[in-house]
Amino acid sequence: MSSTVSHHKQQQIGANNLMANEDQEEDGDEEEEDDEEEEEEEEQNLPIDCYVCHQSPAIYAPLGCKHRTLCKRCAMKQATGGKCKKCGQMFFQLKKH
């Protein structure tokens, strides 16, 4: 009987450890997302050349992915939609940043 109880306790401890590890992994994922958001915010403050003409500052971004990739002139040419020049995600609207 005591071996059954100790086996049950081991299973409980194992399950608790597994849940704790999953919680730690989720916390790690959240920290990585926070780091990526901070990097994107820092990048938004730096001047970036247009991904199309490479001559003017990129001040427009697709609404979906929000990658600032187009200058005003190139954005007006793609105002009805296209693919993000950085990630390839389809977009149908642009926003000035």
Protein backbone atom coordinates (compact mmCIF):
# COMPACT_ATOMS: atom_id res chain seq x y z
CA MET A 1 0.00 0.00 0.00
CA SER A 2 2.78 2.44 0.85
CA SER A 3 4.39 1.82 -2.53
CA THR A 4 1.11 2.78 -4.22
CA VAL A 5 0.90 5.97 -2.17
CA SER A 6 4.53 6.87 -2.89
CA HIS A 7 4.02 6.14 -6.61
CA HIS A 8 0.95 8.42 -6.59
CA LYS A 9 2.96 11.18 -4.86
CA GLN A 10 5.72 10.83 -7.47
CA GLN A 11 3.14 11.20 -10.24
CA GLN A 12 1.74 14.29 -8.53
CA ILE A 13 5.21 15.81 -8.14
CA GLY A 14 5.99 15.03 -11.78
CA ALA A 15 2.75 16.67 -12.92
CA ASN A 16 3.43 19.74 -10.76
CA ASN A 17 6.96 20.03 -12.18
CA LEU A 18 5.61 19.74 -15.72
CA MET A 19 3.08 22.50 -15.07
CA ALA A 20 5.79 24.69 -13.52
CA ASN A 21 8.03 24.15 -16.56
CA GLU A 22 5.18 25.06 -18.91
CA ASP A 23 4.53 28.25 -16.91
CA GLN A 24 8.23 29.16 -17.13
CA GLU A 25 8.23 28.56 -20.90
CA GLU A 26 5.16 30.78 -21.30
CA ASP A 27 6.84 33.49 -19.22
CA GLY A 28 9.92 33.19 -21.45
CA ASP A 29 7.78 33.59 -24.57
CA GLU A 30 6.19 36.71 -23.09
CA GLU A 31 9.63 38.15 -22.32
CA GLU A 32 10.76 37.48 -25.91
CA GLU A 33 7.64 39.23 -27.24
CA ASP A 34 8.30 42.20 -24.94
CA ASP A 35 11.91 42.39 -26.21
CA GLU A 36 10.72 42.33 -29.83
CA GLU A 37 8.21 45.09 -29.14
CA GLU A 38 10.92 47.23 -27.52
CA GLU A 39 13.22 46.69 -30.53
CA GLU A 40 10.42 47.71 -32.90
CA GLU A 41 9.74 50.84 -30.87
CA GLU A 42 13.44 51.75 -31.01
CA GLU A 43 13.51 51.12 -34.77
CA GLN A 44 10.54 53.44 -35.24
CA ASN A 45 12.61 56.34 -33.95
CA LEU A 46 15.49 55.73 -36.37
CA PRO A 47 15.35 57.02 -39.95
CA ILE A 48 14.87 54.17 -42.41
CA ASP A 49 15.25 54.45 -46.17
CA CYS A 50 12.32 53.48 -48.37
CA TYR A 51 12.52 49.78 -49.30
CA VAL A 52 11.46 50.59 -52.90
CA CYS A 53 13.33 53.70 -54.08
CA HIS A 54 16.04 53.83 -51.35
CA GLN A 55 16.07 57.64 -51.69
CA SER A 56 13.53 59.02 -49.22
CA PRO A 57 12.77 58.19 -45.58
CA ALA A 58 10.21 55.44 -45.03
CA ILE A 59 7.27 57.00 -43.19
CA TYR A 60 4.40 54.69 -44.22
CA ALA A 61 3.63 51.17 -43.02
CA PRO A 62 1.02 48.53 -43.83
CA LEU A 63 -1.72 48.39 -41.19
CA GLY A 64 -1.29 44.64 -40.62
CA CYS A 65 2.42 44.13 -39.93
CA LYS A 66 3.28 47.80 -39.28
CA HIS A 67 6.73 47.59 -40.91
CA ARG A 68 7.71 51.15 -41.85
CA THR A 69 8.95 50.50 -45.38
CA LEU A 70 7.64 53.13 -47.82
CA CYS A 71 8.27 56.81 -48.48
CA LYS A 72 5.34 59.07 -49.38
CA ARG A 73 5.85 58.77 -53.15
CA CYS A 74 6.12 54.97 -53.14
CA ALA A 75 3.25 54.65 -50.65
CA MET A 76 0.97 56.61 -52.98
CA LYS A 77 1.80 54.14 -55.76
CA GLN A 78 0.85 51.20 -53.50
CA ALA A 79 -2.03 52.86 -51.63
CA THR A 80 -4.56 50.25 -52.79
CA GLY A 81 -2.55 47.33 -51.46
CA GLY A 82 0.30 44.97 -52.08
CA LYS A 83 2.84 42.98 -50.09
CA CYS A 84 5.03 44.34 -47.29
CA LYS A 85 8.56 44.77 -48.61
CA LYS A 86 9.99 43.48 -45.31
CA CYS A 87 7.88 40.42 -44.42
CA GLY A 88 5.74 39.78 -47.52
CA GLN A 89 2.40 40.02 -45.68
CA MET A 90 -0.48 41.23 -47.87
CA PHE A 91 -1.92 44.64 -47.03
CA PHE A 92 -4.79 46.77 -48.25
CA GLN A 93 -4.14 50.00 -46.34
CA LEU A 94 -1.14 52.05 -45.28
CA LYS A 95 -0.65 54.27 -42.26
CA LYS A 96 1.75 57.17 -41.82
CA HIS A 97 4.17 56.82 -38.88
